[in-house]
Amino acid sequence: MSKLTNEEKDLVKSFERGGWKSIPHAKEEILRYQKIAGVQLRKDKRVNIRLSSLDLQGIQHRAYQEGIPYQTLIASILHKYVAGRFMERAA
């Protein structure tokens, strides 16, 4: 069995103490939120941009390290920036 992280241990303790309650009509709520997410996250526009070869290679390398397509990485970075959640890392 794999070891639990501290966060996972806290969740298990919270559950065991009865800190988790079922919500009424859970299936309907899940479907509602799935529909909202589908509309919000739908990729319905295409954008063409020019990048330097070095930047593109760097993005492709980072995407490879993350195990995702480089276009997905670019879209994720842009989404985080627009949502105000993009954090610059100190060099």
C-alpha atoms as a PDB file:
ATOM      1  CA  MET A   1       0.000   0.000   0.000  1.00  0.00           C
ATOM      2  CA  SER A   2       1.318   3.457  -0.836  1.00  0.00           C
ATOM      3  CA  LYS A   3       2.037   6.020   1.857  1.00  0.00           C
ATOM      4  CA  LEU A   4      -0.427   8.860   2.303  1.00  0.00           C
ATOM      5  CA  THR A   5       0.625  12.475   2.150  1.00  0.00           C
ATOM      6  CA  ASN A   6      -0.146  14.730   5.108  1.00  0.00           C
ATOM      7  CA  GLU A   7      -3.022  16.248   3.165  1.00  0.00           C
ATOM      8  CA  GLU A   8      -4.454  12.796   2.431  1.00  0.00           C
ATOM      9  CA  LYS A   9      -4.099  11.814   6.091  1.00  0.00           C
ATOM     10  CA  ASP A  10      -6.006  14.966   7.104  1.00  0.00           C
ATOM     11  CA  LEU A  11      -8.793  14.085   4.673  1.00  0.00           C
ATOM     12  CA  VAL A  12      -9.067  10.545   6.059  1.00  0.00           C
ATOM     13  CA  LYS A  13      -9.216  11.864   9.641  1.00  0.00           C
ATOM     14  CA  SER A  14     -11.868  14.410   8.666  1.00  0.00           C
ATOM     15  CA  PHE A  15     -13.958  11.698   7.016  1.00  0.00           C
ATOM     16  CA  GLU A  16     -13.610   9.346   9.974  1.00  0.00           C
ATOM     17  CA  ARG A  17     -14.724  12.130  12.375  1.00  0.00           C
ATOM     18  CA  GLY A  18     -17.899  12.556  10.340  1.00  0.00           C
ATOM     19  CA  GLY A  19     -16.828  15.830   8.793  1.00  0.00           C
ATOM     20  CA  TRP A  20     -18.185  14.854   5.387  1.00  0.00           C
ATOM     21  CA  LYS A  21     -21.889  14.989   4.581  1.00  0.00           C
ATOM     22  CA  SER A  22     -23.708  13.893   1.440  1.00  0.00           C
ATOM     23  CA  ILE A  23     -25.474  16.645  -0.416  1.00  0.00           C
ATOM     24  CA  PRO A  24     -29.101  16.241  -1.494  1.00  0.00           C
ATOM     25  CA  HIS A  25     -29.516  15.302  -5.146  1.00  0.00           C
ATOM     26  CA  ALA A  26     -25.779  14.641  -5.611  1.00  0.00           C
ATOM     27  CA  LYS A  27     -26.151  13.095  -9.075  1.00  0.00           C
ATOM     28  CA  GLU A  28     -28.035  16.115 -10.375  1.00  0.00           C
ATOM     29  CA  GLU A  29     -25.457  18.488  -8.871  1.00  0.00           C
ATOM     30  CA  ILE A  30     -22.588  16.570 -10.475  1.00  0.00           C
ATOM     31  CA  LEU A  31     -24.291  16.724 -13.866  1.00  0.00           C
ATOM     32  CA  ARG A  32     -24.972  20.437 -13.421  1.00  0.00           C
ATOM     33  CA  TYR A  33     -21.326  21.206 -12.632  1.00  0.00           C
ATOM     34  CA  GLN A  34     -20.097  18.988 -15.460  1.00  0.00           C
ATOM     35  CA  LYS A  35     -22.285  20.947 -17.869  1.00  0.00           C
ATOM     36  CA  ILE A  36     -20.997  24.277 -16.526  1.00  0.00           C
ATOM     37  CA  ALA A  37     -17.389  23.100 -16.801  1.00  0.00           C
ATOM     38  CA  GLY A  38     -17.972  21.857 -20.336  1.00  0.00           C
ATOM     39  CA  VAL A  39     -19.286  25.237 -21.436  1.00  0.00           C
ATOM     40  CA  GLN A  40     -16.584  27.204 -19.623  1.00  0.00           C
ATOM     41  CA  LEU A  41     -13.676  25.091 -20.792  1.00  0.00           C
ATOM     42  CA  ARG A  42     -14.762  24.494 -24.377  1.00  0.00           C
ATOM     43  CA  LYS A  43     -12.026  25.449 -26.792  1.00  0.00           C
ATOM     44  CA  ASP A  44     -13.937  27.173 -29.537  1.00  0.00           C
ATOM     45  CA  LYS A  45     -11.398  29.649 -30.937  1.00  0.00           C
ATOM     46  CA  ARG A  46      -8.147  29.170 -32.801  1.00  0.00           C
ATOM     47  CA  VAL A  47      -5.147  31.476 -32.387  1.00  0.00           C
ATOM     48  CA  ASN A  48      -1.963  31.588 -34.442  1.00  0.00           C
ATOM     49  CA  ILE A  49       1.137  33.127 -32.898  1.00  0.00           C
ATOM     50  CA  ARG A  50       4.771  33.415 -33.853  1.00  0.00           C
ATOM     51  CA  LEU A  51       7.386  32.279 -31.342  1.00  0.00           C
ATOM     52  CA  SER A  52      11.138  32.126 -31.444  1.00  0.00           C
ATOM     53  CA  SER A  53      12.530  28.678 -32.144  1.00  0.00           C
ATOM     54  CA  LEU A  54      14.201  28.650 -28.733  1.00  0.00           C
ATOM     55  CA  ASP A  55      10.956  29.494 -26.921  1.00  0.00           C
ATOM     56  CA  LEU A  56       9.045  26.808 -28.814  1.00  0.00           C
ATOM     57  CA  GLN A  57      11.736  24.235 -28.069  1.00  0.00           C
ATOM     58  CA  GLY A  58      11.655  25.232 -24.406  1.00  0.00           C
ATOM     59  CA  ILE A  59       7.867  24.899 -24.276  1.00  0.00           C
ATOM     60  CA  GLN A  60       7.998  21.538 -26.020  1.00  0.00           C
ATOM     61  CA  HIS A  61      10.665  20.340 -23.585  1.00  0.00           C
ATOM     62  CA  ARG A  62       8.640  21.471 -20.533  1.00  0.00           C
ATOM     63  CA  ALA A  63       5.505  19.850 -21.956  1.00  0.00           C
ATOM     64  CA  TYR A  64       7.418  16.600 -22.504  1.00  0.00           C
ATOM     65  CA  GLN A  65       8.584  16.709 -18.873  1.00  0.00           C
ATOM     66  CA  GLU A  66       4.978  17.202 -17.757  1.00  0.00           C
ATOM     67  CA  GLY A  67       3.734  14.439 -20.064  1.00  0.00           C
ATOM     68  CA  ILE A  68       1.293  16.675 -21.928  1.00  0.00           C
ATOM     69  CA  PRO A  69       1.086  18.074 -25.471  1.00  0.00           C
ATOM     70  CA  TYR A  70       2.836  21.437 -25.834  1.00  0.00           C
ATOM     71  CA  GLN A  71      -0.339  23.122 -27.119  1.00  0.00           C
ATOM     72  CA  THR A  72      -2.133  22.007 -23.959  1.00  0.00           C
ATOM     73  CA  LEU A  73       0.672  23.522 -21.871  1.00  0.00           C
ATOM     74  CA  ILE A  74       0.410  26.832 -23.745  1.00  0.00           C
ATOM     75  CA  ALA A  75      -3.391  26.895 -23.295  1.00  0.00           C
ATOM     76  CA  SER A  76      -2.998  26.116 -19.587  1.00  0.00           C
ATOM     77  CA  ILE A  77      -0.475  28.920 -19.087  1.00  0.00           C
ATOM     78  CA  LEU A  78      -2.719  31.411 -20.867  1.00  0.00           C
ATOM     79  CA  HIS A  79      -5.784  30.289 -18.900  1.00  0.00           C
ATOM     80  CA  LYS A  80      -3.963  30.667 -15.582  1.00  0.00           C
ATOM     81  CA  TYR A  81      -2.744  34.124 -16.599  1.00  0.00           C
ATOM     82  CA  VAL A  82      -6.221  35.313 -17.566  1.00  0.00           C
ATOM     83  CA  ALA A  83      -7.705  33.852 -14.366  1.00  0.00           C
ATOM     84  CA  GLY A  84      -5.064  35.667 -12.298  1.00  0.00           C
ATOM     85  CA  ARG A  85      -3.553  32.428 -11.047  1.00  0.00           C
ATOM     86  CA  PHE A  86      -0.303  32.479 -13.012  1.00  0.00           C
ATOM     87  CA  MET A  87       2.644  32.598 -10.638  1.00  0.00           C
ATOM     88  CA  GLU A  88       6.061  33.588 -11.892  1.00  0.00           C
ATOM     89  CA  ARG A  89       8.837  31.452 -10.567  1.00  0.00           C
ATOM     90  CA  ALA A  90      12.007  33.143  -9.390  1.00  0.00           C
ATOM     91  CA  ALA A  91      14.875  32.388 -11.728  1.00  0.00           C
END
